[in-house]
Protein backbone atom coordinates (compact mmCIF):
# COMPACT_ATOMS: atom_id res chain seq x y z
CA MET A 1 -63.80 16.77 -181.51
CA LYS A 2 -63.93 17.23 -177.79
CA ASP A 3 -67.35 17.51 -176.16
CA GLY A 4 -68.32 21.10 -176.10
CA MET A 5 -65.67 22.15 -178.54
CA LYS A 6 -66.92 24.87 -180.70
CA LEU A 7 -66.74 24.59 -184.58
CA ASP A 8 -64.15 26.57 -186.50
CA ALA A 9 -66.99 28.61 -188.09
CA GLU A 10 -68.23 29.86 -184.80
CA LEU A 11 -64.86 31.75 -184.05
CA ASP A 12 -64.20 34.87 -186.25
CA PRO A 13 -60.78 34.19 -187.85
CA ASN A 14 -60.22 38.03 -188.10
CA ILE A 15 -59.85 38.14 -184.32
CA ASN A 16 -59.11 34.67 -183.31
CA PRO A 17 -55.76 33.21 -184.56
CA CYS A 18 -57.15 29.69 -185.86
CA ARG A 19 -56.78 27.85 -189.22
CA PRO A 20 -57.70 24.27 -189.85
CA ASP A 21 -53.94 23.38 -189.65
CA LEU A 22 -52.95 25.69 -186.79
CA ALA A 23 -54.24 27.62 -183.87
CA ALA A 24 -53.08 29.54 -180.85
CA ALA A 25 -52.59 27.39 -177.76
CA HIS A 26 -55.18 29.31 -175.78
CA LEU A 27 -57.90 28.21 -178.19
CA ARG A 28 -57.24 24.46 -177.68
CA ASP A 29 -60.52 23.95 -176.10
CA LEU A 30 -62.58 26.19 -178.44
CA VAL A 31 -61.48 25.14 -181.94
CA ALA A 32 -60.24 21.98 -183.80
CA ALA A 33 -56.93 22.23 -185.36
CA GLU A 34 -54.11 19.82 -186.37
CA ARG A 35 -51.73 21.54 -184.01
CA TYR A 36 -51.59 24.38 -181.38
CA VAL A 37 -48.75 26.60 -180.69
CA GLU A 38 -47.64 29.30 -178.03
CA GLY A 39 -47.02 32.51 -179.79
CA SER A 40 -43.90 34.67 -179.66
CA ARG A 41 -44.19 38.48 -179.41
CA ARG A 42 -42.63 40.74 -182.11
CA GLN A 43 -42.65 44.35 -182.59
CA ALA A 44 -43.22 46.56 -185.56
CA VAL A 45 -40.21 48.40 -186.60
CA ARG A 46 -41.20 49.86 -189.89
CA GLY A 47 -43.38 53.07 -189.98
CA ILE A 48 -46.27 50.97 -191.43
CA VAL A 49 -46.27 47.00 -191.78
CA PRO A 50 -49.19 45.90 -193.93
CA LEU A 51 -51.27 42.89 -192.75
CA ARG A 52 -52.81 40.67 -195.47
CA GLY A 53 -55.37 37.96 -195.58
CA ARG A 54 -52.86 35.54 -197.08
CA PRO A 55 -48.95 35.42 -197.60
CA ASP A 56 -49.00 37.01 -200.84
CA GLU A 57 -47.83 40.54 -201.74
CA THR A 58 -50.75 40.74 -204.18
CA ALA A 59 -53.42 39.84 -201.58
CA PRO A 60 -55.61 42.73 -200.53
CA GLN A 61 -54.38 44.59 -197.43
CA THR A 62 -56.68 44.00 -194.53
CA SER A 63 -54.94 46.12 -191.82
CA GLU A 64 -51.65 47.58 -190.74
CA LEU A 65 -49.37 47.45 -187.92
CA ILE A 66 -48.16 50.97 -186.75
CA TYR A 67 -44.55 51.29 -185.62
CA GLY A 68 -44.07 50.01 -181.98
CA GLU A 69 -47.24 47.81 -182.02
CA THR A 70 -46.68 44.23 -180.92
CA PHE A 71 -47.70 41.24 -182.95
CA VAL A 72 -47.96 37.69 -181.53
CA VAL A 73 -46.56 35.35 -184.24
CA TYR A 74 -47.81 31.78 -184.43
CA GLU A 75 -46.07 30.73 -187.55
CA GLU A 76 -43.22 32.19 -189.58
CA LYS A 77 -42.70 30.64 -193.14
CA ASP A 78 -41.13 31.82 -196.34
CA GLY A 79 -40.68 35.42 -195.11
CA TRP A 80 -44.14 35.84 -193.75
CA ALA A 81 -45.36 35.90 -190.05
CA TRP A 82 -48.90 34.80 -189.16
CA GLY A 83 -50.30 36.15 -186.01
CA GLN A 84 -52.35 38.60 -184.04
CA CYS A 85 -51.90 42.36 -183.31
CA GLU A 86 -51.98 42.85 -179.61
CA ALA A 87 -53.41 46.38 -179.92
CA ASP A 88 -56.73 45.36 -181.55
CA GLY A 89 -56.62 41.62 -181.73
CA TYR A 90 -56.62 41.58 -185.61
CA VAL A 91 -55.07 38.54 -187.33
CA GLY A 92 -53.21 38.47 -190.45
CA TYR A 93 -49.95 37.94 -192.34
CA ALA A 94 -47.13 40.33 -192.08
CA ARG A 95 -43.70 40.34 -193.72
CA ALA A 96 -41.23 39.10 -191.11
CA GLY A 97 -38.70 41.61 -192.04
CA GLY A 98 -40.90 44.45 -190.60
CA LEU A 99 -40.94 42.79 -187.27
CA SER A 100 -38.26 42.57 -184.41
CA ALA A 101 -37.89 39.75 -181.91
CA GLU A 102 -36.70 42.38 -179.48
CA VAL A 103 -39.69 44.08 -177.98
CA ILE A 104 -38.94 47.46 -176.42
CA GLU A 105 -41.49 48.92 -173.99
CA PRO A 106 -42.77 52.20 -175.19
CA THR A 107 -42.53 55.41 -173.10
CA HIS A 108 -44.19 57.78 -175.66
CA ARG A 109 -46.61 57.85 -178.54
CA VAL A 110 -46.45 59.96 -181.60
CA SER A 111 -49.02 62.80 -181.28
CA ALA A 112 -48.14 64.61 -184.54
CA LEU A 113 -50.16 63.49 -187.55
CA ARG A 114 -46.77 62.36 -189.02
CA CYS A 115 -43.15 62.95 -188.06
CA PHE A 116 -39.68 62.08 -189.21
CA VAL A 117 -37.01 59.99 -187.35
CA PHE A 118 -33.58 61.50 -187.90
CA PRO A 119 -30.26 59.85 -187.71
CA GLU A 120 -28.96 62.76 -185.73
CA PRO A 121 -30.60 65.59 -183.54
CA SER A 122 -30.72 67.84 -186.51
CA VAL A 123 -33.46 68.77 -189.04
CA LYS A 124 -30.74 68.97 -191.71
CA THR A 125 -30.13 65.17 -191.74
CA ALA A 126 -31.90 62.68 -193.97
CA PRO A 127 -34.77 60.96 -192.34
CA LEU A 128 -34.48 57.26 -191.41
CA LYS A 129 -38.24 56.82 -191.50
CA ALA A 130 -41.63 58.49 -190.93
CA LEU A 131 -43.96 57.64 -188.12
CA SER A 132 -47.72 58.14 -188.12
CA LEU A 133 -50.14 59.24 -185.27
CA GLY A 134 -50.27 56.61 -182.60
CA ALA A 135 -46.82 55.08 -183.16
CA ARG A 136 -45.01 53.96 -179.98
CA VAL A 137 -41.57 54.80 -179.19
CA ALA A 138 -39.08 54.41 -176.26
CA VAL A 139 -37.29 57.60 -175.43
CA THR A 140 -33.75 57.07 -174.15
CA ASP A 141 -32.08 60.44 -174.18
CA ARG A 142 -32.59 64.09 -174.87
CA ARG A 143 -30.49 66.74 -176.77
CA ASP A 144 -31.88 70.11 -176.95
CA ARG A 145 -35.43 69.69 -178.33
CA TYR A 146 -34.88 66.23 -179.76
CA LEU A 147 -35.41 62.85 -178.08
CA ARG A 148 -33.46 59.69 -178.95
CA ILE A 149 -35.54 56.65 -179.54
CA ALA A 150 -34.49 53.01 -179.25
CA PRO A 151 -33.10 51.31 -181.17
CA GLU A 152 -31.97 54.33 -183.42
CA GLY A 153 -32.91 57.82 -184.42
CA TRP A 154 -34.31 61.17 -183.01
CA VAL A 155 -37.68 62.75 -183.06
CA HIS A 156 -38.49 66.27 -182.21
CA GLU A 157 -40.13 66.75 -178.82
CA THR A 158 -43.10 68.46 -180.34
CA ALA A 159 -44.07 65.27 -182.20
CA VAL A 160 -44.61 62.91 -179.16
CA GLU A 161 -46.25 62.80 -175.81
CA PRO A 162 -46.00 60.29 -172.82
CA VAL A 163 -47.82 56.94 -173.19
CA GLY A 164 -51.09 57.32 -171.51
CA SER A 165 -51.73 60.81 -172.72
CA VAL A 166 -55.14 61.21 -174.38
CA THR A 167 -56.83 63.70 -176.69
CA PRO A 168 -60.36 63.59 -175.42
CA ASP A 169 -61.97 65.28 -178.56
CA TYR A 170 -61.81 62.31 -180.98
CA LEU A 171 -63.50 64.44 -183.54
CA ALA A 172 -60.63 67.09 -183.45
CA THR A 173 -58.24 64.10 -184.01
CA ALA A 174 -60.16 62.81 -187.03
CA ARG A 175 -60.41 66.20 -188.54
CA ARG A 176 -56.53 66.35 -188.73
CA PHE A 177 -56.90 63.44 -191.26
CA LEU A 178 -58.92 65.63 -193.72
CA GLY A 179 -57.55 65.06 -197.13
CA VAL A 180 -55.68 61.99 -196.32
CA PRO A 181 -56.28 59.39 -199.16
CA TYR A 182 -58.73 56.47 -198.56
CA LEU A 183 -56.72 53.10 -198.30
CA TRP A 184 -58.46 49.84 -197.95
CA GLY A 185 -56.93 48.35 -194.66
CA GLY A 186 -55.11 51.60 -193.87
CA ARG A 187 -54.66 53.00 -190.39
CA SER A 188 -52.17 55.71 -190.89
CA SER A 189 -51.73 59.40 -192.00
CA LEU A 190 -50.37 58.01 -195.37
CA GLY A 191 -53.74 56.32 -196.09
CA ILE A 192 -56.86 55.21 -193.96
CA ASP A 193 -60.12 53.58 -194.43
CA CYS A 194 -63.44 54.36 -192.70
CA SER A 195 -63.13 52.02 -189.72
CA GLY A 196 -59.33 52.83 -189.35
CA LEU A 197 -60.31 56.46 -189.02
CA VAL A 198 -62.74 55.68 -186.14
CA GLN A 199 -60.32 53.38 -184.55
CA VAL A 200 -57.27 55.67 -184.62
CA SER A 201 -59.31 58.76 -183.64
CA LEU A 202 -61.03 57.24 -180.67
CA GLY A 203 -57.86 55.45 -179.71
CA ALA A 204 -56.10 58.78 -179.26
CA ALA A 205 -58.92 59.47 -176.81
CA GLY A 206 -58.27 56.52 -174.80
CA ILE A 207 -61.20 54.49 -176.18
CA ARG A 208 -60.16 51.10 -177.57
CA VAL A 209 -61.99 50.19 -180.62
CA GLN A 210 -62.18 47.07 -182.70
CA ARG A 211 -60.69 47.03 -186.32
CA ASP A 212 -63.50 46.44 -188.86
CA THR A 213 -66.73 48.13 -189.29
CA TYR A 214 -68.85 45.15 -188.41
CA LEU A 215 -67.05 44.55 -185.15
CA GLN A 216 -67.43 48.25 -184.18
CA ARG A 217 -71.10 48.16 -185.01
CA ASP A 218 -71.50 45.32 -182.50
CA THR A 219 -69.17 46.41 -179.68
CA LEU A 220 -68.44 50.16 -179.75
CA GLY A 221 -69.98 52.01 -176.86
CA ASP A 222 -73.82 52.23 -176.38
CA SER A 223 -76.43 51.62 -179.00
CA VAL A 224 -78.64 54.58 -179.92
CA PRO A 225 -82.28 53.84 -180.94
CA LEU A 226 -83.13 54.51 -184.68
CA ASP A 227 -86.26 56.25 -183.71
CA GLY A 228 -86.07 59.37 -185.61
CA ARG A 229 -84.28 61.54 -182.96
CA PRO A 230 -81.63 63.90 -184.25
CA LEU A 231 -78.08 62.63 -184.33
CA GLU A 232 -75.62 64.16 -181.96
CA ARG A 233 -72.00 65.37 -182.34
CA GLY A 234 -69.69 62.41 -181.72
CA ASP A 235 -72.31 59.78 -182.82
CA ILE A 236 -70.63 56.80 -184.62
CA VAL A 237 -73.10 56.12 -187.63
CA PHE A 238 -73.10 52.86 -189.51
CA PHE A 239 -74.30 52.11 -193.02
CA PRO A 240 -73.83 48.96 -195.06
CA GLY A 241 -70.10 48.09 -194.89
CA HIS A 242 -69.31 51.75 -193.83
CA VAL A 243 -68.92 54.01 -190.79
CA GLY A 244 -68.39 57.67 -190.04
CA MET A 245 -68.46 60.23 -187.15
CA MET A 246 -71.01 63.15 -186.69
CA LEU A 247 -69.54 66.50 -186.42
CA ASP A 248 -72.99 68.06 -185.60
CA ASP A 249 -76.52 66.86 -186.27
CA ARG A 250 -76.15 66.87 -189.99
CA THR A 251 -72.57 66.56 -191.00
CA LEU A 252 -70.55 63.23 -191.30
CA LEU A 253 -66.77 63.03 -191.19
CA HIS A 254 -65.53 59.89 -192.85
CA SER A 255 -63.01 58.27 -195.00
CA THR A 256 -64.81 57.07 -198.12
CA ALA A 257 -63.97 55.29 -201.31
CA TYR A 258 -66.64 57.26 -203.03
CA TRP A 259 -64.50 60.44 -202.91
CA MET A 260 -61.28 58.54 -202.09
CA THR A 261 -60.42 60.78 -199.14
CA VAL A 262 -61.26 61.80 -195.65
CA CYS A 263 -63.87 64.45 -195.98
CA GLU A 264 -66.92 66.00 -194.41
CA GLU A 265 -70.30 65.78 -196.28
CA PRO A 266 -74.08 65.91 -195.22
CA VAL A 267 -74.94 62.52 -193.66
CA ALA A 268 -78.24 62.70 -195.61
CA ASP A 269 -76.18 62.57 -198.79
CA VAL A 270 -74.17 59.49 -197.74
CA ALA A 271 -77.42 57.66 -196.47
CA ALA A 272 -79.19 58.30 -199.87
CA ARG A 273 -76.16 56.99 -201.65
CA THR A 274 -76.02 53.76 -199.62
CA LEU A 275 -79.57 53.32 -199.97
CA GLU A 276 -79.37 53.37 -203.80
CA SER A 277 -76.21 51.19 -204.02
CA GLU A 278 -76.67 48.87 -200.98
CA GLY A 279 -80.39 48.86 -200.30
CA ALA A 280 -80.10 50.47 -196.87
CA GLY A 281 -79.06 53.84 -195.35
CA ILE A 282 -78.14 54.30 -191.67
CA VAL A 283 -78.25 50.86 -190.10
CA ALA A 284 -76.97 51.54 -186.65
CA VAL A 285 -75.78 54.46 -184.36
CA ARG A 286 -73.62 54.06 -181.45
CA ARG A 287 -72.31 56.52 -178.81
CA PRO A 288 -68.74 55.91 -177.39
CA THR A 289 -68.25 55.48 -173.82
CA ARG A 290 -65.02 55.56 -171.76
CA GLY A 291 -63.86 52.88 -169.36
């Protein structure tokens, strides 16, 4: 090992593409591996591309790539691509068939909670796929109120807005997910987990957020002292292994496995539940900042 080289354990493998046998070339001086490679950029071309912790369909889903997101691939083997999502830095295994070697620069993002891609500019045609909020698309043509996207298909103009557009009220965005089923590792309107809801909602407001709860707890915005002062609208509240957003000083909006859905409930009820099951209630509060 080189002088000053960090041990593997010191780098979080969820956000650093490193394994004992293989690591990204930019980590050469930080981690020991049998070999180092430069990655190749791919792009998600399915509505949702699951990420898993190992190359196995039965492995738990750890996150998802949303249509149009880019993924830096460091290894492709047996139909699986191991790499890192450029949107949030998350590392995992994706089915290679859901990725394209042709990376198309997006011009718009999906602003609807969910929309269809049609083969023709007509609502009467059978959809090719469905896209979730935040998907990136490249608009190449317009016909009436439909927009053609590369490499194929048409979306209605009401479903998208230019890349760079933001929805400042992230709580309003999060409330659009009410009733969406809880899904471990989910980041879409088909299914979403607690940290995914925070990430997607704040992302729509132009605030980049890490993927997992523990990463959000350490990096998101400014820390708020736990000194008994009232919680405020917009505060991000952390419990052991869980996170939610305050709608006001008493109501938490979150995606929870307890109710298996995105819902609103008294924050005191959530704190009492986690205190009973995990031995702690609220463990941290952070206030998002822009910039």
